[in-house]
Amino acid sequence: MMTKKPILAVIVFGLVAVAIFAGYWWLFGEATPPEPDGLRPAGFLEGGLTDTAQANDQFLRLIAAMQRINLTDEFLTSPLFLRGLQDHSVVLQRQPKGRPNPFLPIGVEAAAVASTSGSSASTTNRR
C-alpha cells in the first residue's frame, strides 16, 4: 500500500500543472494576433488614392506611352547596315561517325577485343 506522502505529492503536482496551464491560457490564449505592419486595404482611403491605385495609374500611363512608339524596318535595307554585316560561317568537313564499339574504354582497339573474344570463344568450345 502506498503511503499518504506520494499520493499527496502527485495531487499537488497535478494541481500546480493545471494552475500553470490555466494561467498561461488566461494571459496569452485569447489574444488576437496583431495585424502585420505592411498590409493595408486596397481602394480609396481618407479621400485620396492608395499606393496601389497610384501605381496602377502610372502603369497605365506607361502602356499608353508605349503604344505611341512606331518601329520601322527601313534600317535593315539601308546600305550602311548591310556594309557592316560580315559572314563568319565555317564550312564543316565530313568526319567519321564515332567508333565501332562506343562502349569500349577509350584507348582500347576494337581489333584487340575481337581477337581476345575469339580466343575465349574457342576455349569455351573445348569443354
N, C-alpha and C. Protein backbone atom coordinates (compact mmCIF):
# COMPACT_ATOMS: atom_id res chain seq x y z
N MET A 1 0.81 -1.17 0.00
CA MET A 1 0.00 0.00 0.00
C MET A 1 0.87 1.24 0.00
N MET A 2 0.39 2.24 -0.70
CA MET A 2 1.16 3.49 -0.77
C MET A 2 0.88 4.35 0.45
N THR A 3 1.91 5.08 0.82
CA THR A 3 1.72 5.99 1.94
C THR A 3 1.06 7.27 1.45
N LYS A 4 0.68 8.11 2.37
CA LYS A 4 -0.04 9.33 2.02
C LYS A 4 0.86 10.37 1.38
N LYS A 5 2.15 10.36 1.64
CA LYS A 5 3.06 11.38 1.11
C LYS A 5 3.15 11.32 -0.43
N PRO A 6 3.41 10.16 -1.06
CA PRO A 6 3.48 10.15 -2.53
C PRO A 6 2.14 10.50 -3.20
N ILE A 7 1.03 10.08 -2.62
CA ILE A 7 -0.27 10.41 -3.20
C ILE A 7 -0.50 11.92 -3.12
N LEU A 8 -0.18 12.50 -1.99
CA LEU A 8 -0.33 13.94 -1.82
C LEU A 8 0.58 14.70 -2.78
N ALA A 9 1.79 14.21 -3.02
CA ALA A 9 2.73 14.86 -3.94
C ALA A 9 2.20 14.82 -5.38
N VAL A 10 1.60 13.72 -5.79
CA VAL A 10 1.05 13.61 -7.14
C VAL A 10 -0.14 14.56 -7.30
N ILE A 11 -0.99 14.65 -6.27
CA ILE A 11 -2.15 15.54 -6.34
C ILE A 11 -1.70 16.99 -6.40
N VAL A 12 -0.73 17.37 -5.57
CA VAL A 12 -0.22 18.75 -5.58
C VAL A 12 0.44 19.06 -6.92
N PHE A 13 1.21 18.13 -7.46
CA PHE A 13 1.85 18.34 -8.77
C PHE A 13 0.80 18.54 -9.86
N GLY A 14 -0.28 17.74 -9.85
CA GLY A 14 -1.35 17.88 -10.83
C GLY A 14 -2.05 19.22 -10.71
N LEU A 15 -2.33 19.66 -9.48
CA LEU A 15 -2.99 20.95 -9.29
C LEU A 15 -2.10 22.10 -9.75
N VAL A 16 -0.82 22.02 -9.46
CA VAL A 16 0.11 23.06 -9.90
C VAL A 16 0.19 23.10 -11.43
N ALA A 17 0.22 21.93 -12.08
CA ALA A 17 0.27 21.89 -13.54
C ALA A 17 -0.99 22.47 -14.15
N VAL A 18 -2.15 22.15 -13.57
CA VAL A 18 -3.41 22.71 -14.07
C VAL A 18 -3.44 24.22 -13.87
N ALA A 19 -2.96 24.70 -12.74
CA ALA A 19 -2.93 26.14 -12.47
C ALA A 19 -2.01 26.87 -13.44
N ILE A 20 -0.86 26.28 -13.75
CA ILE A 20 0.07 26.90 -14.70
C ILE A 20 -0.56 26.94 -16.09
N PHE A 21 -1.19 25.87 -16.50
CA PHE A 21 -1.84 25.83 -17.82
C PHE A 21 -2.97 26.85 -17.90
N ALA A 22 -3.80 26.93 -16.86
CA ALA A 22 -4.92 27.88 -16.85
C ALA A 22 -4.41 29.32 -16.87
N GLY A 23 -3.35 29.60 -16.13
CA GLY A 23 -2.79 30.95 -16.12
C GLY A 23 -2.21 31.34 -17.47
N TYR A 24 -1.55 30.41 -18.10
CA TYR A 24 -0.97 30.69 -19.43
C TYR A 24 -2.09 30.95 -20.45
N TRP A 25 -3.13 30.13 -20.39
CA TRP A 25 -4.24 30.30 -21.33
C TRP A 25 -4.96 31.61 -21.08
N TRP A 26 -5.12 32.00 -19.82
CA TRP A 26 -5.80 33.24 -19.48
C TRP A 26 -5.00 34.46 -19.93
N LEU A 27 -3.66 34.39 -19.83
CA LEU A 27 -2.83 35.54 -20.21
C LEU A 27 -2.57 35.61 -21.71
N PHE A 28 -2.30 34.48 -22.34
CA PHE A 28 -1.84 34.50 -23.73
C PHE A 28 -2.79 33.81 -24.72
N GLY A 29 -3.75 33.08 -24.28
CA GLY A 29 -4.54 32.24 -25.16
C GLY A 29 -5.57 32.96 -26.00
N GLU A 30 -6.22 33.99 -25.48
CA GLU A 30 -7.33 34.61 -26.19
C GLU A 30 -6.94 35.85 -26.97
N ALA A 31 -5.73 36.27 -26.93
CA ALA A 31 -5.33 37.49 -27.63
C ALA A 31 -5.34 37.25 -29.14
N THR A 32 -5.88 38.20 -29.86
CA THR A 32 -5.86 38.10 -31.33
C THR A 32 -4.50 38.55 -31.83
N PRO A 33 -4.00 37.92 -32.85
CA PRO A 33 -2.68 38.31 -33.35
C PRO A 33 -2.73 39.72 -33.96
N PRO A 34 -1.68 40.50 -33.78
CA PRO A 34 -1.67 41.86 -34.35
C PRO A 34 -1.55 41.80 -35.88
N GLU A 35 -2.09 42.82 -36.52
CA GLU A 35 -2.01 42.89 -37.98
C GLU A 35 -0.58 43.23 -38.40
N PRO A 36 -0.10 42.62 -39.46
CA PRO A 36 1.24 42.97 -39.96
C PRO A 36 1.29 44.44 -40.39
N ASP A 37 2.46 45.04 -40.21
CA ASP A 37 2.61 46.47 -40.50
C ASP A 37 2.47 46.81 -41.98
N GLY A 38 2.92 45.94 -42.86
CA GLY A 38 2.99 46.29 -44.27
C GLY A 38 1.69 46.15 -45.03
N LEU A 39 0.63 45.62 -44.43
CA LEU A 39 -0.59 45.36 -45.17
C LEU A 39 -1.62 46.45 -44.91
N ARG A 40 -2.19 46.96 -46.01
CA ARG A 40 -3.27 47.94 -45.93
C ARG A 40 -4.34 47.55 -46.94
N PRO A 41 -5.59 47.83 -46.66
CA PRO A 41 -6.63 47.51 -47.63
C PRO A 41 -6.49 48.35 -48.89
N ALA A 42 -6.81 47.76 -50.03
CA ALA A 42 -6.73 48.49 -51.29
C ALA A 42 -8.01 49.27 -51.52
N GLY A 43 -7.89 50.36 -52.23
CA GLY A 43 -9.06 51.17 -52.54
C GLY A 43 -8.84 52.60 -52.10
N PHE A 44 -9.92 53.32 -51.90
CA PHE A 44 -9.85 54.73 -51.50
C PHE A 44 -9.79 54.83 -49.99
N LEU A 45 -8.77 55.53 -49.49
CA LEU A 45 -8.63 55.75 -48.06
C LEU A 45 -8.45 57.24 -47.80
N GLU A 46 -9.19 57.73 -46.85
CA GLU A 46 -9.05 59.11 -46.39
C GLU A 46 -9.10 60.11 -47.53
N GLY A 47 -9.97 59.91 -48.49
CA GLY A 47 -10.19 60.89 -49.54
C GLY A 47 -9.15 60.90 -50.64
N GLY A 48 -8.17 60.03 -50.64
CA GLY A 48 -7.15 60.03 -51.68
C GLY A 48 -6.93 58.63 -52.23
N LEU A 49 -6.10 58.53 -53.27
CA LEU A 49 -5.78 57.23 -53.85
C LEU A 49 -4.75 56.52 -52.99
N THR A 50 -4.84 55.22 -52.93
CA THR A 50 -3.83 54.44 -52.21
C THR A 50 -2.61 54.28 -53.12
N ASP A 51 -1.57 53.71 -52.55
CA ASP A 51 -0.35 53.46 -53.32
C ASP A 51 -0.63 52.51 -54.48
N THR A 52 -1.50 51.54 -54.27
CA THR A 52 -1.81 50.57 -55.32
C THR A 52 -2.50 51.26 -56.50
N ALA A 53 -3.45 52.12 -56.20
CA ALA A 53 -4.17 52.83 -57.27
C ALA A 53 -3.23 53.77 -58.01
N GLN A 54 -2.33 54.43 -57.29
CA GLN A 54 -1.37 55.32 -57.95
C GLN A 54 -0.42 54.52 -58.84
N ALA A 55 0.00 53.36 -58.38
CA ALA A 55 0.89 52.52 -59.19
C ALA A 55 0.16 52.03 -60.44
N ASN A 56 -1.12 51.68 -60.30
CA ASN A 56 -1.91 51.26 -61.46
C ASN A 56 -2.05 52.39 -62.48
N ASP A 57 -2.30 53.60 -62.00
CA ASP A 57 -2.42 54.75 -62.90
C ASP A 57 -1.11 55.00 -63.64
N GLN A 58 0.00 54.92 -62.93
CA GLN A 58 1.30 55.14 -63.56
C GLN A 58 1.58 54.05 -64.59
N PHE A 59 1.24 52.82 -64.28
CA PHE A 59 1.44 51.72 -65.22
C PHE A 59 0.61 51.93 -66.48
N LEU A 60 -0.62 52.34 -66.33
CA LEU A 60 -1.47 52.58 -67.50
C LEU A 60 -0.94 53.73 -68.35
N ARG A 61 -0.39 54.77 -67.71
CA ARG A 61 0.22 55.87 -68.48
C ARG A 61 1.42 55.38 -69.27
N LEU A 62 2.24 54.50 -68.67
CA LEU A 62 3.40 53.96 -69.39
C LEU A 62 2.97 53.10 -70.58
N ILE A 63 1.92 52.30 -70.40
CA ILE A 63 1.42 51.48 -71.50
C ILE A 63 0.91 52.36 -72.64
N ALA A 64 0.21 53.43 -72.31
CA ALA A 64 -0.29 54.34 -73.34
C ALA A 64 0.86 55.02 -74.07
N ALA A 65 1.93 55.36 -73.36
CA ALA A 65 3.09 55.99 -74.00
C ALA A 65 3.79 54.99 -74.91
N MET A 66 3.83 53.72 -74.54
CA MET A 66 4.49 52.72 -75.37
C MET A 66 3.70 52.44 -76.64
N GLN A 67 2.40 52.63 -76.62
CA GLN A 67 1.59 52.40 -77.82
C GLN A 67 1.87 53.44 -78.90
N ARG A 68 2.38 54.58 -78.50
CA ARG A 68 2.69 55.62 -79.48
C ARG A 68 4.02 55.40 -80.19
N ILE A 69 4.81 54.43 -79.74
CA ILE A 69 6.11 54.17 -80.37
C ILE A 69 5.89 53.48 -81.71
N ASN A 70 6.60 53.96 -82.73
CA ASN A 70 6.47 53.41 -84.07
C ASN A 70 7.82 52.84 -84.50
N LEU A 71 7.89 51.54 -84.70
CA LEU A 71 9.12 50.89 -85.12
C LEU A 71 9.04 50.59 -86.62
N THR A 72 10.09 50.93 -87.35
CA THR A 72 10.14 50.62 -88.78
C THR A 72 11.33 49.71 -89.05
N ASP A 73 11.26 48.99 -90.15
CA ASP A 73 12.35 48.09 -90.50
C ASP A 73 13.16 48.62 -91.69
N GLU A 74 13.13 49.91 -91.92
CA GLU A 74 13.87 50.50 -93.04
C GLU A 74 15.38 50.36 -92.86
N PHE A 75 15.85 50.34 -91.63
CA PHE A 75 17.30 50.26 -91.40
C PHE A 75 17.86 48.92 -91.85
N LEU A 76 17.03 47.87 -91.93
CA LEU A 76 17.53 46.56 -92.35
C LEU A 76 17.92 46.55 -93.83
N THR A 77 17.40 47.46 -94.62
CA THR A 77 17.71 47.51 -96.05
C THR A 77 18.67 48.64 -96.40
N SER A 78 19.09 49.40 -95.42
CA SER A 78 19.99 50.52 -95.72
C SER A 78 21.40 50.01 -96.04
N PRO A 79 22.12 50.68 -96.99
CA PRO A 79 23.47 50.25 -97.34
C PRO A 79 24.45 50.33 -96.17
N LEU A 80 24.25 51.28 -95.28
CA LEU A 80 25.14 51.42 -94.13
C LEU A 80 25.04 50.17 -93.23
N PHE A 81 23.85 49.68 -93.03
CA PHE A 81 23.67 48.47 -92.22
C PHE A 81 24.22 47.24 -92.94
N LEU A 82 23.94 47.11 -94.21
CA LEU A 82 24.37 45.94 -94.97
C LEU A 82 25.89 45.90 -95.11
N ARG A 83 26.55 47.05 -95.14
CA ARG A 83 28.00 47.10 -95.28
C ARG A 83 28.67 46.57 -94.01
N GLY A 84 28.05 46.72 -92.85
CA GLY A 84 28.64 46.28 -91.59
C GLY A 84 28.48 44.79 -91.33
N LEU A 85 27.66 44.12 -92.12
CA LEU A 85 27.45 42.69 -91.91
C LEU A 85 28.61 41.89 -92.48
N GLN A 86 29.06 40.90 -91.75
CA GLN A 86 30.13 40.02 -92.22
C GLN A 86 29.70 38.58 -92.05
N ASP A 87 30.11 37.74 -92.99
CA ASP A 87 29.79 36.32 -92.92
C ASP A 87 30.90 35.59 -92.18
N HIS A 88 30.60 35.05 -91.02
CA HIS A 88 31.58 34.33 -90.21
C HIS A 88 31.30 32.83 -90.21
N SER A 89 30.59 32.34 -91.18
CA SER A 89 30.25 30.93 -91.19
C SER A 89 31.49 30.09 -91.54
N VAL A 90 31.48 28.85 -91.07
CA VAL A 90 32.58 27.91 -91.29
C VAL A 90 32.00 26.69 -92.00
N VAL A 91 32.69 26.24 -93.05
CA VAL A 91 32.25 25.06 -93.77
C VAL A 91 32.71 23.83 -93.00
N LEU A 92 31.79 22.95 -92.69
CA LEU A 92 32.11 21.75 -91.92
C LEU A 92 32.56 20.64 -92.87
N GLN A 93 33.62 19.96 -92.47
CA GLN A 93 34.16 18.84 -93.25
C GLN A 93 33.51 17.54 -92.76
N ARG A 94 33.42 16.58 -93.67
CA ARG A 94 32.91 15.27 -93.27
C ARG A 94 33.94 14.58 -92.38
N GLN A 95 33.45 13.99 -91.30
CA GLN A 95 34.32 13.27 -90.38
C GLN A 95 33.71 11.90 -90.12
N PRO A 96 34.54 10.96 -89.72
CA PRO A 96 33.99 9.61 -89.45
C PRO A 96 33.01 9.68 -88.28
N LYS A 97 32.01 8.82 -88.33
CA LYS A 97 30.98 8.82 -87.31
C LYS A 97 31.34 7.85 -86.21
N GLY A 98 31.85 8.33 -85.12
CA GLY A 98 32.07 7.55 -83.92
C GLY A 98 33.05 6.41 -84.05
N ARG A 99 32.99 5.49 -83.08
CA ARG A 99 33.87 4.33 -83.04
C ARG A 99 33.05 3.09 -83.35
N PRO A 100 33.71 2.00 -83.72
CA PRO A 100 32.97 0.76 -83.99
C PRO A 100 32.17 0.29 -82.77
N ASN A 101 32.76 0.37 -81.58
CA ASN A 101 32.06 0.00 -80.36
C ASN A 101 32.22 1.15 -79.37
N PRO A 102 31.22 2.01 -79.23
CA PRO A 102 31.36 3.18 -78.35
C PRO A 102 31.40 2.83 -76.88
N PHE A 103 31.11 1.59 -76.50
CA PHE A 103 31.09 1.21 -75.10
C PHE A 103 32.44 0.72 -74.59
N LEU A 104 33.40 0.55 -75.48
CA LEU A 104 34.74 0.16 -75.06
C LEU A 104 35.43 1.32 -74.38
N PRO A 105 36.31 1.08 -73.43
CA PRO A 105 37.08 2.17 -72.84
C PRO A 105 37.94 2.86 -73.90
N ILE A 106 38.18 4.13 -73.72
CA ILE A 106 38.96 4.89 -74.69
C ILE A 106 40.39 4.38 -74.68
N GLY A 107 40.95 4.17 -75.85
CA GLY A 107 42.32 3.68 -75.99
C GLY A 107 42.38 2.19 -76.28
N VAL A 108 41.31 1.46 -76.10
CA VAL A 108 41.28 0.03 -76.39
C VAL A 108 40.85 -0.13 -77.84
N GLU A 109 41.61 -0.87 -78.59
CA GLU A 109 41.29 -1.08 -80.00
C GLU A 109 40.23 -2.15 -80.17
N ALA A 110 39.40 -2.00 -81.17
CA ALA A 110 38.33 -2.96 -81.43
C ALA A 110 38.92 -4.29 -81.90
N ALA A 111 40.04 -4.24 -82.64
CA ALA A 111 40.64 -5.48 -83.14
C ALA A 111 41.19 -6.31 -81.99
N ALA A 112 41.78 -5.66 -80.97
CA ALA A 112 42.34 -6.39 -79.83
C ALA A 112 41.23 -7.07 -79.05
N VAL A 113 40.12 -6.44 -78.93
CA VAL A 113 38.99 -7.02 -78.21
C VAL A 113 38.40 -8.17 -79.01
N ALA A 114 38.35 -8.01 -80.34
CA ALA A 114 37.82 -9.08 -81.18
C ALA A 114 38.68 -10.32 -81.09
N SER A 115 40.02 -10.17 -81.09
CA SER A 115 40.90 -11.33 -81.01
C SER A 115 40.80 -11.98 -79.63
N THR A 116 40.64 -11.20 -78.58
CA THR A 116 40.51 -11.74 -77.24
C THR A 116 39.20 -12.50 -77.10
N SER A 117 38.15 -11.94 -77.62
CA SER A 117 36.86 -12.61 -77.51
C SER A 117 36.84 -13.86 -78.39
N GLY A 118 37.57 -13.88 -79.51
CA GLY A 118 37.64 -15.07 -80.35
C GLY A 118 38.37 -16.19 -79.65
N SER A 119 39.46 -15.88 -78.92
CA SER A 119 40.20 -16.93 -78.21
C SER A 119 39.38 -17.46 -77.04
N SER A 120 38.63 -16.61 -76.37
CA SER A 120 37.81 -17.08 -75.26
C SER A 120 36.67 -17.93 -75.78
N ALA A 121 36.19 -17.62 -76.97
CA ALA A 121 35.12 -18.43 -77.54
C ALA A 121 35.64 -19.80 -77.87
N SER A 122 36.89 -19.88 -78.33
CA SER A 122 37.43 -21.19 -78.66
C SER A 122 37.70 -22.01 -77.41
N THR A 123 38.05 -21.36 -76.30
CA THR A 123 38.30 -22.10 -75.05
C THR A 123 36.99 -22.63 -74.50
N THR A 124 35.92 -21.92 -74.71
CA THR A 124 34.64 -22.41 -74.20
C THR A 124 34.14 -23.59 -75.01
N ASN A 125 34.56 -23.69 -76.29
CA ASN A 125 34.13 -24.81 -77.11
C ASN A 125 34.86 -26.09 -76.74
N ARG A 126 36.05 -26.01 -76.10
CA ARG A 126 36.84 -27.20 -75.76
C ARG A 126 36.19 -28.00 -74.65
N ARG A 127 35.41 -27.43 -73.84
CA ARG A 127 34.83 -28.15 -72.69
C ARG A 127 33.86 -29.15 -73.11
